[in-house]
Amino acid sequence: MEEKDYAPLAKKYKLPDFAEMNRVFRIAEIEVKDGPSASVRHKMIETIEPSIDFVEHLLQPDPNLMSDMYECKYIDAEDKSHLFSLYKRLMKTIRTHLELDIRQDEKEDAHFIATFFKEWEEMKDTLLPFVVKIKTCWTEPTETREKLEYLG
């Protein structure tokens, strides 16, 4: 998507400017297929999906994945509470996206874009400390061979 494709939508609905949207959601990568508003909404969702997967795996680790079993040891009950609150917000966003796919209304898409742009900034602030915490756990020495065999 080029700025000229986004500008009329942004002006009509008072959306964040192209540069900001591109910085956060890489909307310049969009190939407009469903109209600009739906295409931007889809790109926003595509951008947050790895974050949803990350949170989901911390809350409900897959016992068949060594990474999940290792990382979940570093999340305590308080962390899980904060992560679940974030997860609920993310899932509400995903379900709103599905609803808007069904409705196919430019005005509602624009409202989603404007609202979620602000919400995502807050969500990132909640998510980042957990990403850093989990990244850091991978630098800690492994305890014993027996524990690795159990996980594997």
N, C-alpha and C. Protein backbone atom coordinates (compact mmCIF):
# COMPACT_ATOMS: atom_id res chain seq x y z
N MET A 1 0.85 -1.17 0.00
CA MET A 1 0.00 0.00 0.00
C MET A 1 0.90 1.23 0.00
N GLU A 2 0.54 2.15 -0.80
CA GLU A 2 1.27 3.41 -0.83
C GLU A 2 0.49 4.45 -0.02
N GLU A 3 1.21 5.49 0.35
CA GLU A 3 0.59 6.55 1.15
C GLU A 3 -0.63 7.14 0.43
N LYS A 4 -0.57 7.23 -0.89
CA LYS A 4 -1.69 7.80 -1.65
C LYS A 4 -2.95 6.94 -1.53
N ASP A 5 -2.78 5.63 -1.28
CA ASP A 5 -3.94 4.74 -1.08
C ASP A 5 -4.54 4.90 0.31
N TYR A 6 -3.68 5.21 1.26
CA TYR A 6 -4.11 5.32 2.66
C TYR A 6 -4.61 6.71 3.02
N ALA A 7 -4.04 7.73 2.42
CA ALA A 7 -4.34 9.12 2.78
C ALA A 7 -5.83 9.49 2.75
N PRO A 8 -6.58 9.12 1.71
CA PRO A 8 -8.01 9.48 1.71
C PRO A 8 -8.78 8.84 2.87
N LEU A 9 -8.45 7.60 3.19
CA LEU A 9 -9.09 6.91 4.31
C LEU A 9 -8.71 7.59 5.63
N ALA A 10 -7.44 7.91 5.78
CA ALA A 10 -6.96 8.56 6.99
C ALA A 10 -7.61 9.92 7.18
N LYS A 11 -7.74 10.65 6.10
CA LYS A 11 -8.35 11.98 6.18
C LYS A 11 -9.85 11.88 6.51
N LYS A 12 -10.53 10.97 5.85
CA LYS A 12 -11.97 10.82 6.04
C LYS A 12 -12.33 10.41 7.47
N TYR A 13 -11.50 9.55 8.08
CA TYR A 13 -11.84 9.00 9.40
C TYR A 13 -10.87 9.42 10.51
N LYS A 14 -9.98 10.37 10.20
CA LYS A 14 -9.02 10.87 11.19
C LYS A 14 -8.19 9.74 11.80
N LEU A 15 -7.57 8.97 10.92
CA LEU A 15 -6.74 7.84 11.34
C LEU A 15 -5.30 8.30 11.56
N PRO A 16 -4.51 7.49 12.26
CA PRO A 16 -3.08 7.82 12.40
C PRO A 16 -2.44 7.97 11.02
N ASP A 17 -1.39 8.79 10.96
CA ASP A 17 -0.78 9.03 9.65
C ASP A 17 -0.06 7.79 9.13
N PHE A 18 0.21 7.81 7.85
CA PHE A 18 0.80 6.67 7.16
C PHE A 18 2.13 6.26 7.79
N ALA A 19 2.98 7.22 8.09
CA ALA A 19 4.31 6.90 8.63
C ALA A 19 4.21 6.15 9.96
N GLU A 20 3.32 6.59 10.83
CA GLU A 20 3.14 5.91 12.12
C GLU A 20 2.55 4.51 11.94
N MET A 21 1.55 4.41 11.09
CA MET A 21 0.94 3.10 10.84
C MET A 21 1.96 2.15 10.21
N ASN A 22 2.79 2.68 9.34
CA ASN A 22 3.80 1.84 8.70
C ASN A 22 4.88 1.43 9.70
N ARG A 23 5.26 2.33 10.58
CA ARG A 23 6.27 2.02 11.60
C ARG A 23 5.80 0.88 12.49
N VAL A 24 4.54 0.92 12.90
CA VAL A 24 4.02 -0.06 13.85
C VAL A 24 3.52 -1.33 13.15
N PHE A 25 2.84 -1.18 12.03
CA PHE A 25 2.17 -2.32 11.39
C PHE A 25 2.68 -2.64 9.98
N ARG A 26 3.69 -1.92 9.51
CA ARG A 26 4.29 -2.17 8.18
C ARG A 26 3.23 -2.21 7.06
N ILE A 27 2.37 -1.21 7.04
CA ILE A 27 1.28 -1.21 6.05
C ILE A 27 1.77 -0.97 4.62
N ALA A 28 3.01 -0.52 4.46
CA ALA A 28 3.55 -0.34 3.11
C ALA A 28 3.69 -1.69 2.40
N GLU A 29 3.72 -2.78 3.17
CA GLU A 29 3.84 -4.13 2.60
C GLU A 29 2.51 -4.65 2.04
N ILE A 30 1.43 -3.96 2.31
CA ILE A 30 0.09 -4.44 1.94
C ILE A 30 -0.12 -4.38 0.43
N GLU A 31 -0.66 -5.46 -0.09
CA GLU A 31 -1.20 -5.46 -1.45
C GLU A 31 -2.71 -5.33 -1.28
N VAL A 32 -3.25 -4.19 -1.63
CA VAL A 32 -4.66 -3.92 -1.39
C VAL A 32 -5.52 -4.84 -2.24
N LYS A 33 -6.34 -5.64 -1.55
CA LYS A 33 -7.24 -6.57 -2.24
C LYS A 33 -8.69 -6.31 -1.86
N ASP A 34 -8.93 -6.08 -0.57
CA ASP A 34 -10.29 -5.96 -0.06
C ASP A 34 -10.69 -4.51 0.21
N GLY A 35 -10.00 -3.57 -0.36
CA GLY A 35 -10.23 -2.17 -0.04
C GLY A 35 -9.24 -1.77 1.04
N PRO A 36 -8.89 -0.49 1.10
CA PRO A 36 -7.84 -0.08 2.02
C PRO A 36 -8.14 -0.33 3.49
N SER A 37 -9.37 -0.09 3.93
CA SER A 37 -9.65 -0.24 5.36
C SER A 37 -9.53 -1.69 5.82
N ALA A 38 -10.11 -2.60 5.06
CA ALA A 38 -10.02 -4.03 5.42
C ALA A 38 -8.59 -4.53 5.30
N SER A 39 -7.86 -4.06 4.32
CA SER A 39 -6.48 -4.49 4.14
C SER A 39 -5.60 -4.04 5.31
N VAL A 40 -5.79 -2.82 5.76
CA VAL A 40 -5.04 -2.32 6.91
C VAL A 40 -5.40 -3.12 8.16
N ARG A 41 -6.67 -3.37 8.35
CA ARG A 41 -7.13 -4.16 9.51
C ARG A 41 -6.50 -5.55 9.50
N HIS A 42 -6.48 -6.19 8.34
CA HIS A 42 -5.87 -7.52 8.22
C HIS A 42 -4.38 -7.47 8.56
N LYS A 43 -3.69 -6.44 8.11
CA LYS A 43 -2.26 -6.32 8.39
C LYS A 43 -2.02 -6.10 9.89
N MET A 44 -2.88 -5.35 10.52
CA MET A 44 -2.76 -5.13 11.96
C MET A 44 -2.87 -6.46 12.71
N ILE A 45 -3.82 -7.27 12.32
CA ILE A 45 -4.02 -8.57 12.97
C ILE A 45 -2.83 -9.49 12.68
N GLU A 46 -2.37 -9.49 11.45
CA GLU A 46 -1.21 -10.30 11.09
C GLU A 46 0.00 -9.94 11.95
N THR A 47 0.14 -8.67 12.25
CA THR A 47 1.27 -8.19 13.04
C THR A 47 1.20 -8.67 14.49
N ILE A 48 0.00 -8.77 15.06
CA ILE A 48 -0.09 -9.15 16.47
C ILE A 48 -0.18 -10.65 16.70
N GLU A 49 -0.38 -11.44 15.66
CA GLU A 49 -0.53 -12.89 15.83
C GLU A 49 0.66 -13.55 16.54
N PRO A 50 1.92 -13.20 16.23
CA PRO A 50 3.02 -13.81 16.99
C PRO A 50 2.96 -13.49 18.49
N SER A 51 2.48 -12.32 18.84
CA SER A 51 2.35 -11.96 20.25
C SER A 51 1.28 -12.81 20.93
N ILE A 52 0.18 -13.05 20.22
CA ILE A 52 -0.87 -13.90 20.77
C ILE A 52 -0.33 -15.30 20.99
N ASP A 53 0.39 -15.84 20.02
CA ASP A 53 0.98 -17.17 20.16
C ASP A 53 1.94 -17.23 21.34
N PHE A 54 2.75 -16.21 21.50
CA PHE A 54 3.71 -16.14 22.60
C PHE A 54 2.98 -16.22 23.94
N VAL A 55 1.97 -15.39 24.11
CA VAL A 55 1.22 -15.36 25.37
C VAL A 55 0.50 -16.69 25.59
N GLU A 56 -0.11 -17.19 24.56
CA GLU A 56 -0.85 -18.44 24.67
C GLU A 56 0.05 -19.59 25.10
N HIS A 57 1.26 -19.66 24.56
CA HIS A 57 2.19 -20.73 24.92
C HIS A 57 2.71 -20.59 26.34
N LEU A 58 2.78 -19.37 26.85
CA LEU A 58 3.17 -19.20 28.25
C LEU A 58 2.04 -19.60 29.19
N LEU A 59 0.82 -19.30 28.80
CA LEU A 59 -0.33 -19.64 29.64
C LEU A 59 -0.69 -21.12 29.56
N GLN A 60 -0.55 -21.70 28.39
CA GLN A 60 -0.91 -23.11 28.16
C GLN A 60 0.21 -23.78 27.36
N PRO A 61 1.30 -24.14 28.05
CA PRO A 61 2.43 -24.71 27.32
C PRO A 61 2.09 -26.07 26.71
N ASP A 62 2.66 -26.31 25.55
CA ASP A 62 2.51 -27.59 24.87
C ASP A 62 3.55 -28.54 25.46
N PRO A 63 3.12 -29.62 26.10
CA PRO A 63 4.09 -30.53 26.72
C PRO A 63 5.00 -31.22 25.71
N ASN A 64 4.66 -31.15 24.44
CA ASN A 64 5.49 -31.75 23.40
C ASN A 64 6.58 -30.81 22.88
N LEU A 65 6.54 -29.56 23.34
CA LEU A 65 7.53 -28.58 22.89
C LEU A 65 8.50 -28.28 24.03
N MET A 66 9.74 -28.59 23.81
CA MET A 66 10.76 -28.35 24.83
C MET A 66 10.82 -26.87 25.21
N SER A 67 10.71 -26.00 24.22
CA SER A 67 10.79 -24.56 24.51
C SER A 67 9.66 -24.13 25.44
N ASP A 68 8.45 -24.61 25.21
CA ASP A 68 7.32 -24.26 26.08
C ASP A 68 7.56 -24.74 27.50
N MET A 69 8.02 -25.96 27.64
CA MET A 69 8.22 -26.53 28.98
C MET A 69 9.35 -25.81 29.72
N TYR A 70 10.37 -25.40 29.01
CA TYR A 70 11.47 -24.67 29.63
C TYR A 70 11.02 -23.27 30.04
N GLU A 71 10.35 -22.57 29.14
CA GLU A 71 9.96 -21.18 29.40
C GLU A 71 8.89 -21.07 30.48
N CYS A 72 7.97 -22.00 30.56
CA CYS A 72 6.88 -21.89 31.53
C CYS A 72 7.37 -21.93 32.97
N LYS A 73 8.56 -22.47 33.20
CA LYS A 73 9.14 -22.49 34.55
C LYS A 73 9.42 -21.08 35.06
N TYR A 74 9.52 -20.13 34.17
CA TYR A 74 9.90 -18.77 34.54
C TYR A 74 8.70 -17.85 34.71
N ILE A 75 7.50 -18.40 34.62
CA ILE A 75 6.29 -17.60 34.75
C ILE A 75 5.57 -18.03 36.04
N ASP A 76 5.40 -17.07 36.94
CA ASP A 76 4.72 -17.38 38.20
C ASP A 76 3.24 -17.02 38.12
N ALA A 77 2.52 -17.24 39.20
CA ALA A 77 1.06 -17.01 39.21
C ALA A 77 0.71 -15.55 38.93
N GLU A 78 1.48 -14.63 39.46
CA GLU A 78 1.21 -13.21 39.21
C GLU A 78 1.42 -12.86 37.74
N ASP A 79 2.51 -13.40 37.17
CA ASP A 79 2.77 -13.20 35.74
C ASP A 79 1.61 -13.75 34.91
N LYS A 80 1.15 -14.94 35.27
CA LYS A 80 0.05 -15.56 34.53
C LYS A 80 -1.21 -14.70 34.59
N SER A 81 -1.46 -14.09 35.72
CA SER A 81 -2.63 -13.22 35.86
C SER A 81 -2.53 -12.04 34.90
N HIS A 82 -1.36 -11.40 34.85
CA HIS A 82 -1.17 -10.27 33.94
C HIS A 82 -1.24 -10.73 32.48
N LEU A 83 -0.63 -11.87 32.21
CA LEU A 83 -0.66 -12.39 30.84
C LEU A 83 -2.07 -12.75 30.41
N PHE A 84 -2.86 -13.30 31.33
CA PHE A 84 -4.22 -13.66 30.95
C PHE A 84 -5.07 -12.42 30.66
N SER A 85 -4.87 -11.36 31.42
CA SER A 85 -5.58 -10.10 31.13
C SER A 85 -5.21 -9.58 29.75
N LEU A 86 -3.93 -9.65 29.43
CA LEU A 86 -3.48 -9.23 28.10
C LEU A 86 -4.06 -10.15 27.03
N TYR A 87 -4.05 -11.44 27.29
CA TYR A 87 -4.59 -12.42 26.34
C TYR A 87 -6.06 -12.16 26.04
N LYS A 88 -6.83 -11.83 27.06
CA LYS A 88 -8.25 -11.52 26.86
C LYS A 88 -8.42 -10.32 25.93
N ARG A 89 -7.60 -9.30 26.12
CA ARG A 89 -7.67 -8.11 25.26
C ARG A 89 -7.30 -8.46 23.82
N LEU A 90 -6.26 -9.26 23.66
CA LEU A 90 -5.84 -9.67 22.32
C LEU A 90 -6.91 -10.51 21.64
N MET A 91 -7.51 -11.44 22.39
CA MET A 91 -8.53 -12.29 21.79
C MET A 91 -9.80 -11.50 21.45
N LYS A 92 -10.13 -10.52 22.26
CA LYS A 92 -11.27 -9.65 21.93
C LYS A 92 -10.98 -8.94 20.60
N THR A 93 -9.75 -8.52 20.40
CA THR A 93 -9.36 -7.87 19.16
C THR A 93 -9.52 -8.82 17.98
N ILE A 94 -9.07 -10.06 18.14
CA ILE A 94 -9.19 -11.06 17.07
C ILE A 94 -10.65 -11.32 16.74
N ARG A 95 -11.49 -11.42 17.74
CA ARG A 95 -12.92 -11.69 17.51
C ARG A 95 -13.61 -10.47 16.89
N THR A 96 -13.18 -9.28 17.25
CA THR A 96 -13.71 -8.07 16.61
C THR A 96 -13.32 -8.07 15.14
N HIS A 97 -12.10 -8.45 14.85
CA HIS A 97 -11.63 -8.55 13.47
C HIS A 97 -12.51 -9.51 12.67
N LEU A 98 -12.82 -10.64 13.24
CA LEU A 98 -13.69 -11.62 12.57
C LEU A 98 -15.07 -11.02 12.31
N GLU A 99 -15.61 -10.35 13.30
CA GLU A 99 -16.92 -9.69 13.13
C GLU A 99 -16.87 -8.68 11.99
N LEU A 100 -15.80 -7.90 11.94
CA LEU A 100 -15.68 -6.88 10.89
C LEU A 100 -15.48 -7.49 9.51
N ASP A 101 -14.83 -8.65 9.46
CA ASP A 101 -14.74 -9.36 8.19
C ASP A 101 -16.12 -9.72 7.66
N ILE A 102 -16.99 -10.08 8.56
CA ILE A 102 -18.36 -10.45 8.18
C ILE A 102 -19.17 -9.21 7.81
N ARG A 103 -19.04 -8.16 8.58
CA ARG A 103 -19.82 -6.94 8.35
C ARG A 103 -19.40 -6.19 7.08
N GLN A 104 -18.10 -6.12 6.82
CA GLN A 104 -17.55 -5.42 5.66
C GLN A 104 -18.04 -3.97 5.57
N ASP A 105 -17.72 -3.21 6.60
CA ASP A 105 -18.14 -1.82 6.68
C ASP A 105 -16.91 -0.93 6.89
N GLU A 106 -16.65 -0.04 5.94
CA GLU A 106 -15.47 0.80 5.99
C GLU A 106 -15.40 1.65 7.26
N LYS A 107 -16.53 2.21 7.65
CA LYS A 107 -16.56 3.06 8.83
C LYS A 107 -16.19 2.28 10.09
N GLU A 108 -16.71 1.06 10.21
CA GLU A 108 -16.38 0.23 11.37
C GLU A 108 -14.91 -0.21 11.32
N ASP A 109 -14.41 -0.50 10.11
CA ASP A 109 -12.99 -0.82 9.96
C ASP A 109 -12.13 0.35 10.43
N ALA A 110 -12.50 1.55 10.03
CA ALA A 110 -11.74 2.74 10.40
C ALA A 110 -11.76 2.94 11.91
N HIS A 111 -12.90 2.72 12.53
CA HIS A 111 -12.98 2.82 14.00
C HIS A 111 -12.04 1.81 14.64
N PHE A 112 -12.03 0.59 14.12
CA PHE A 112 -11.12 -0.45 14.64
C PHE A 112 -9.67 0.00 14.50
N ILE A 113 -9.31 0.50 13.33
CA ILE A 113 -7.93 0.92 13.07
C ILE A 113 -7.50 1.99 14.08
N ALA A 114 -8.31 3.01 14.24
CA ALA A 114 -7.98 4.10 15.15
C ALA A 114 -7.90 3.63 16.60
N THR A 115 -8.86 2.83 17.00
CA THR A 115 -8.92 2.36 18.38
C THR A 115 -7.79 1.38 18.68
N PHE A 116 -7.62 0.41 17.80
CA PHE A 116 -6.60 -0.59 18.08
C PHE A 116 -5.19 -0.03 17.97
N PHE A 117 -4.96 0.96 17.15
CA PHE A 117 -3.64 1.58 17.09
C PHE A 117 -3.24 2.07 18.48
N LYS A 118 -4.15 2.73 19.17
CA LYS A 118 -3.87 3.23 20.53
C LYS A 118 -3.75 2.07 21.53
N GLU A 119 -4.64 1.10 21.44
CA GLU A 119 -4.62 -0.03 22.36
C GLU A 119 -3.33 -0.84 22.24
N TRP A 120 -2.86 -1.02 21.02
CA TRP A 120 -1.66 -1.81 20.79
C TRP A 120 -0.45 -1.17 21.46
N GLU A 121 -0.40 0.15 21.45
CA GLU A 121 0.70 0.83 22.13
C GLU A 121 0.71 0.47 23.61
N GLU A 122 -0.46 0.41 24.25
CA GLU A 122 -0.55 0.01 25.66
C GLU A 122 -0.22 -1.47 25.84
N MET A 123 -0.73 -2.30 24.95
CA MET A 123 -0.49 -3.74 25.05
C MET A 123 0.99 -4.06 24.92
N LYS A 124 1.68 -3.37 24.05
CA LYS A 124 3.12 -3.61 23.86
C LYS A 124 3.87 -3.33 25.16
N ASP A 125 3.45 -2.28 25.89
CA ASP A 125 4.10 -1.96 27.16
C ASP A 125 3.90 -3.07 28.18
N THR A 126 2.77 -3.75 28.13
CA THR A 126 2.50 -4.88 29.02
C THR A 126 3.28 -6.11 28.57
N LEU A 127 3.36 -6.33 27.29
CA LEU A 127 3.99 -7.52 26.73
C LEU A 127 5.51 -7.51 26.82
N LEU A 128 6.12 -6.39 26.59
CA LEU A 128 7.57 -6.30 26.48
C LEU A 128 8.32 -6.89 27.69
N PRO A 129 7.94 -6.58 28.92
CA PRO A 129 8.68 -7.17 30.05
C PRO A 129 8.67 -8.71 30.05
N PHE A 130 7.59 -9.30 29.58
CA PHE A 130 7.52 -10.76 29.52
C PHE A 130 8.44 -11.31 28.42
N VAL A 131 8.49 -10.62 27.31
CA VAL A 131 9.38 -11.04 26.22
C VAL A 131 10.83 -10.98 26.70
N VAL A 132 11.17 -9.91 27.38
CA VAL A 132 12.53 -9.76 27.89
C VAL A 132 12.82 -10.84 28.93
N LYS A 133 11.88 -11.09 29.82
CA LYS A 133 12.06 -12.11 30.86
C LYS A 133 12.30 -13.49 30.24
N ILE A 134 11.50 -13.84 29.25
CA ILE A 134 11.63 -15.15 28.62
C ILE A 134 12.91 -15.23 27.78
N LYS A 135 13.26 -14.16 27.11
CA LYS A 135 14.51 -14.15 26.36
C LYS A 135 15.69 -14.38 27.30
N THR A 136 15.64 -13.75 28.46
CA THR A 136 16.71 -13.85 29.45
C THR A 136 16.84 -15.27 30.00
N CYS A 137 15.73 -15.98 30.13
CA CYS A 137 15.80 -17.33 30.69
C CYS A 137 16.67 -18.25 29.84
N TRP A 138 16.81 -17.93 28.56
CA TRP A 138 17.62 -18.77 27.67
C TRP A 138 19.11 -18.56 27.87
N THR A 139 19.50 -17.55 28.63
CA THR A 139 20.93 -17.33 28.89
C THR A 139 21.36 -17.98 30.20
N GLU A 140 20.41 -18.47 30.98
CA GLU A 140 20.74 -19.13 32.25
C GLU A 140 21.27 -20.53 31.99
N PRO A 141 22.23 -20.96 32.84
CA PRO A 141 22.77 -22.31 32.64
C PRO A 141 21.71 -23.38 32.88
N THR A 142 21.80 -24.45 32.14
CA THR A 142 20.89 -25.58 32.31
C THR A 142 21.29 -26.31 33.58
N GLU A 143 20.30 -26.73 34.36
CA GLU A 143 20.58 -27.28 35.68
C GLU A 143 21.26 -28.65 35.64
N THR A 144 20.61 -29.65 35.08
CA THR A 144 21.21 -30.99 35.06
C THR A 144 20.82 -31.73 33.79
N ARG A 145 21.58 -32.72 33.47
CA ARG A 145 21.28 -33.55 32.30
C ARG A 145 19.97 -34.27 32.47
N GLU A 146 19.68 -34.74 33.68
CA GLU A 146 18.44 -35.48 33.92
C GLU A 146 17.21 -34.62 33.58
N LYS A 147 17.25 -33.35 33.96
CA LYS A 147 16.11 -32.49 33.67
C LYS A 147 15.96 -32.29 32.17
N LEU A 148 17.06 -32.19 31.45
CA LEU A 148 16.97 -32.05 29.99
C LEU A 148 16.39 -33.30 29.37
N GLU A 149 16.79 -34.45 29.85
CA GLU A 149 16.24 -35.69 29.32
C GLU A 149 14.75 -35.77 29.58
N TYR A 150 14.32 -35.31 30.77
CA TYR A 150 12.89 -35.34 31.10
C TYR A 150 12.11 -34.45 30.16
N LEU A 151 12.64 -33.26 29.85
CA LEU A 151 11.97 -32.33 28.94
C LEU A 151 11.98 -32.86 27.51
N GLY A 152 12.97 -33.61 27.15
CA GLY A 152 13.12 -34.05 25.77
C GLY A 152 12.48 -35.37 25.56
